[in-house]
Amino acid sequence: MDDNSEMLDSVHKRMVNELLGRHGGGRAPGASPRIVQQVLTTDQNIRKAIADLYLALEELNDSEIAVELLSEHVAIMVEMINNFKKSR
């Protein structure tokens, strides 16, 4: 997609490794192996869906619609992030 994809992949791998407890940080507190696997599987599905959406939007060739649709998804994610920040 862009030049940042390697950096994003690196950050993602670090987060997955931390979730799996490979860097001494241990598994997320209180997370069962089933929940960890569910998070990893869902994350993979979302990443694939985002890539598929990007390709479909490129084929649509309407940047106005693409930006509007992607902005809605970003707004949802920002709201989710803010909810997690509140619970800290």
Protein backbone atom coordinates (compact mmCIF):
# COMPACT_ATOMS: atom_id res chain seq x y z
CA MET A 1 0.00 0.00 0.00
CA ASP A 2 2.63 2.51 1.05
CA ASP A 3 6.16 2.88 2.39
CA ASN A 4 4.91 2.63 5.98
CA SER A 5 3.74 -0.97 5.58
CA GLU A 6 7.02 -2.44 6.90
CA MET A 7 6.91 -0.18 9.96
CA LEU A 8 3.27 -1.08 10.59
CA ASP A 9 4.04 -4.78 10.22
CA SER A 10 6.90 -4.40 12.70
CA VAL A 11 4.67 -2.66 15.27
CA HIS A 12 1.98 -5.29 14.75
CA LYS A 13 4.44 -8.15 15.23
CA ARG A 14 5.74 -6.55 18.45
CA MET A 15 2.19 -6.21 19.80
CA VAL A 16 1.33 -9.81 18.90
CA ASN A 17 4.55 -11.04 20.52
CA GLU A 18 3.71 -9.12 23.68
CA LEU A 19 0.20 -10.54 23.67
CA LEU A 20 1.64 -14.03 23.34
CA GLY A 21 4.20 -13.36 26.07
CA ARG A 22 7.31 -13.91 23.95
CA HIS A 23 9.27 -10.92 25.28
CA GLY A 24 9.05 -11.58 28.99
CA GLY A 25 6.04 -9.31 29.43
CA GLY A 26 3.68 -12.22 29.80
CA ARG A 27 0.23 -12.62 28.42
CA ALA A 28 -2.31 -9.87 28.88
CA PRO A 29 -3.37 -9.99 32.54
CA GLY A 30 -6.28 -12.36 33.03
CA ALA A 31 -6.42 -13.38 29.36
CA SER A 32 -7.04 -17.05 28.73
CA PRO A 33 -5.33 -18.75 25.78
CA ARG A 34 -8.77 -18.94 24.10
CA ILE A 35 -9.24 -15.16 24.34
CA VAL A 36 -5.69 -14.51 23.11
CA GLN A 37 -6.34 -16.75 20.09
CA GLN A 38 -9.67 -15.02 19.46
CA VAL A 39 -7.95 -11.62 19.49
CA LEU A 40 -5.24 -12.81 17.08
CA THR A 41 -7.73 -14.43 14.70
CA THR A 42 -10.01 -11.39 14.72
CA ASP A 43 -7.03 -9.10 14.15
CA GLN A 44 -5.96 -11.16 11.12
CA ASN A 45 -9.51 -11.08 9.73
CA ILE A 46 -9.75 -7.30 10.16
CA ARG A 47 -6.39 -6.72 8.48
CA LYS A 48 -7.45 -8.85 5.51
CA ALA A 49 -10.81 -7.08 5.31
CA ILE A 50 -9.07 -3.67 5.37
CA ALA A 51 -6.74 -4.74 2.56
CA ASP A 52 -9.71 -6.08 0.56
CA LEU A 53 -11.64 -2.84 1.17
CA TYR A 54 -8.67 -0.77 0.02
CA LEU A 55 -8.38 -2.75 -3.21
CA ALA A 56 -12.12 -2.54 -3.86
CA LEU A 57 -12.09 1.21 -3.25
CA GLU A 58 -9.18 1.59 -5.67
CA GLU A 59 -11.20 -0.29 -8.30
CA LEU A 60 -14.20 1.94 -7.58
CA ASN A 61 -11.98 4.87 -8.54
CA ASP A 62 -13.96 7.43 -6.54
CA SER A 63 -11.68 9.05 -3.99
CA GLU A 64 -14.51 11.08 -2.42
CA ILE A 65 -16.46 7.94 -1.51
CA ALA A 66 -13.27 6.17 -0.43
CA VAL A 67 -12.25 8.96 1.93
CA GLU A 68 -15.77 9.22 3.38
CA LEU A 69 -16.05 5.49 3.99
CA LEU A 70 -12.54 5.15 5.44
CA SER A 71 -13.11 8.21 7.64
CA GLU A 72 -16.18 6.55 9.15
CA HIS A 73 -14.09 3.50 10.03
CA VAL A 74 -11.35 5.66 11.52
CA ALA A 75 -13.94 7.49 13.64
CA ILE A 76 -15.19 4.16 14.99
CA MET A 77 -11.64 3.11 15.84
CA VAL A 78 -10.89 6.43 17.55
CA GLU A 79 -14.00 6.01 19.68
CA MET A 80 -12.89 2.50 20.64
CA ILE A 81 -9.40 3.77 21.53
CA ASN A 82 -10.85 6.51 23.68
CA ASN A 83 -13.01 3.98 25.53
CA PHE A 84 -9.92 1.88 26.33
CA LYS A 85 -8.01 4.97 27.46
CA LYS A 86 -10.84 5.89 29.84
CA SER A 87 -10.67 2.47 31.47
CA ARG A 88 -6.95 2.77 32.35
